[in-house]
């Protein structure tokens, strides 16, 4: 009953949001109150962190509250993908990048990259 009442209030004041990837690979669509954040990335990778209340479809459907992180890249574009969760992890990532070389991709969900 509570979910129905919340949705009855939110849906009339909500909007439609689309998070699209290159060549529409990994597209996701949301209806409701949605917050989309695009973290800093290094390399040919698209990343987003989406949270909200409503309904959505993309890499699975949901109704209610949802939070998800999506990372989209073409096969072969990144030799390795490194996800940074905390600012302290960025120091380790920098040392890994120096040691490995090549074409790694970095997604900084921590917001610690300038």
Protein backbone atom coordinates (compact mmCIF):
# COMPACT_ATOMS: atom_id res chain seq x y z
CA UNK A 1 0.00 0.00 0.00
CA UNK A 2 2.81 2.42 0.88
CA UNK A 3 4.62 1.81 -2.44
CA UNK A 4 1.40 2.49 -4.34
CA UNK A 5 0.83 5.76 -2.48
CA UNK A 6 4.41 6.90 -3.05
CA UNK A 7 4.22 6.09 -6.76
CA UNK A 8 0.84 7.86 -7.05
CA UNK A 9 2.47 11.05 -5.78
CA UNK A 10 5.79 10.77 -7.63
CA UNK A 11 4.70 9.71 -11.14
CA UNK A 12 2.65 12.87 -11.93
CA UNK A 13 5.63 15.11 -11.09
CA UNK A 14 8.25 12.89 -12.66
CA UNK A 15 10.09 12.96 -15.96
CA UNK A 16 11.53 10.51 -18.43
CA UNK A 17 15.32 10.14 -18.44
CA UNK A 18 17.48 8.22 -20.90
CA UNK A 19 21.11 7.20 -20.39
CA UNK A 20 22.52 6.36 -23.81
CA UNK A 21 25.77 4.73 -24.78
CA UNK A 22 27.84 4.93 -27.95
CA UNK A 23 25.80 3.65 -30.92
CA UNK A 24 22.94 3.08 -28.43
CA UNK A 25 24.73 0.13 -26.81
CA UNK A 26 23.68 -0.11 -23.18
CA UNK A 27 20.78 2.36 -23.36
CA UNK A 28 18.60 2.62 -20.23
CA UNK A 29 15.30 4.46 -19.77
CA UNK A 30 13.79 5.72 -16.50
CA UNK A 31 10.45 7.24 -15.48
CA UNK A 32 10.29 8.90 -12.07
CA UNK A 33 12.56 11.02 -9.92
CA UNK A 34 16.05 10.15 -11.15
CA UNK A 35 19.58 11.29 -10.29
CA UNK A 36 22.24 10.57 -12.91
CA UNK A 37 25.95 11.05 -12.17
CA UNK A 38 28.71 10.61 -14.73
CA UNK A 39 31.97 9.81 -12.93
CA UNK A 40 35.34 10.83 -14.36
CA UNK A 41 36.78 8.26 -16.72
CA UNK A 42 40.07 7.62 -18.44
CA UNK A 43 40.00 5.83 -21.78
CA UNK A 44 37.15 5.01 -24.18
CA UNK A 45 34.61 3.99 -21.54
CA UNK A 46 31.20 5.44 -20.62
CA UNK A 47 30.09 5.14 -16.99
CA UNK A 48 27.05 6.30 -15.07
CA UNK A 49 25.62 5.98 -11.60
CA UNK A 50 21.82 6.21 -11.59
CA UNK A 51 19.50 6.23 -8.60
CA UNK A 52 15.86 7.07 -8.29
CA UNK A 53 12.27 6.15 -7.54
CA UNK A 54 9.89 5.10 -10.29
CA UNK A 55 10.27 2.58 -13.08
CA UNK A 56 13.04 1.76 -15.52
CA UNK A 57 14.28 -0.63 -18.13
CA UNK A 58 17.73 -1.24 -19.54
CA UNK A 59 19.91 -3.99 -18.12
CA UNK A 60 16.82 -5.32 -16.34
CA UNK A 61 13.53 -3.77 -15.30
CA UNK A 62 12.50 -2.34 -11.93
CA UNK A 63 9.61 -0.60 -10.19
CA UNK A 64 10.25 1.28 -6.94
CA UNK A 65 13.66 2.45 -5.68
CA UNK A 66 16.73 1.47 -7.67
CA UNK A 67 20.40 2.34 -7.76
CA UNK A 68 22.83 0.98 -10.33
CA UNK A 69 26.19 1.60 -11.89
CA UNK A 70 26.60 1.02 -15.59
CA UNK A 71 29.85 0.76 -17.54
CA UNK A 72 29.74 0.53 -21.34
CA UNK A 73 32.65 0.08 -23.74
CA UNK A 74 33.28 -1.56 -27.08
CA UNK A 75 35.00 -4.95 -26.91
CA UNK A 76 38.75 -4.59 -27.22
CA UNK A 77 38.83 -0.86 -26.37
CA UNK A 78 40.20 -1.43 -22.87
CA UNK A 79 42.82 -4.02 -22.00
CA UNK A 80 41.73 -3.73 -18.35
CA UNK A 81 39.04 -1.76 -16.46
CA UNK A 82 39.88 -0.38 -13.02
CA UNK A 83 37.02 0.83 -10.79
CA UNK A 84 37.90 3.32 -8.05
CA UNK A 85 35.53 3.22 -5.07
CA UNK A 86 37.45 5.35 -2.55
CA UNK A 87 39.87 8.25 -2.90
CA UNK A 88 42.63 6.21 -1.26
CA UNK A 89 42.29 3.60 -4.04
CA UNK A 90 43.39 6.17 -6.64
CA UNK A 91 46.99 6.04 -5.36
CA UNK A 92 47.04 2.28 -5.95
CA UNK A 93 45.47 2.71 -9.39
CA UNK A 94 48.16 5.20 -10.42
CA UNK A 95 50.91 2.75 -9.43
CA UNK A 96 49.15 -0.09 -11.30
CA UNK A 97 48.86 2.08 -14.42
CA UNK A 98 52.56 2.87 -14.33
CA UNK A 99 53.47 -0.82 -13.94
CA UNK A 100 51.03 -2.24 -16.49
CA UNK A 101 51.06 0.34 -19.28
CA UNK A 102 48.95 -0.59 -22.31
CA UNK A 103 45.46 0.80 -22.67
CA UNK A 104 43.67 0.41 -19.33
CA UNK A 105 40.42 2.27 -18.65
CA UNK A 106 39.71 3.88 -15.27
CA UNK A 107 36.30 4.74 -13.81
CA UNK A 108 36.47 6.94 -10.69
CA UNK A 109 33.23 6.56 -8.71
CA UNK A 110 34.95 8.14 -5.67
CA UNK A 111 35.23 11.60 -7.24
CA UNK A 112 38.87 11.86 -6.15
CA UNK A 113 40.30 12.53 -9.63
CA UNK A 114 40.78 16.22 -10.41
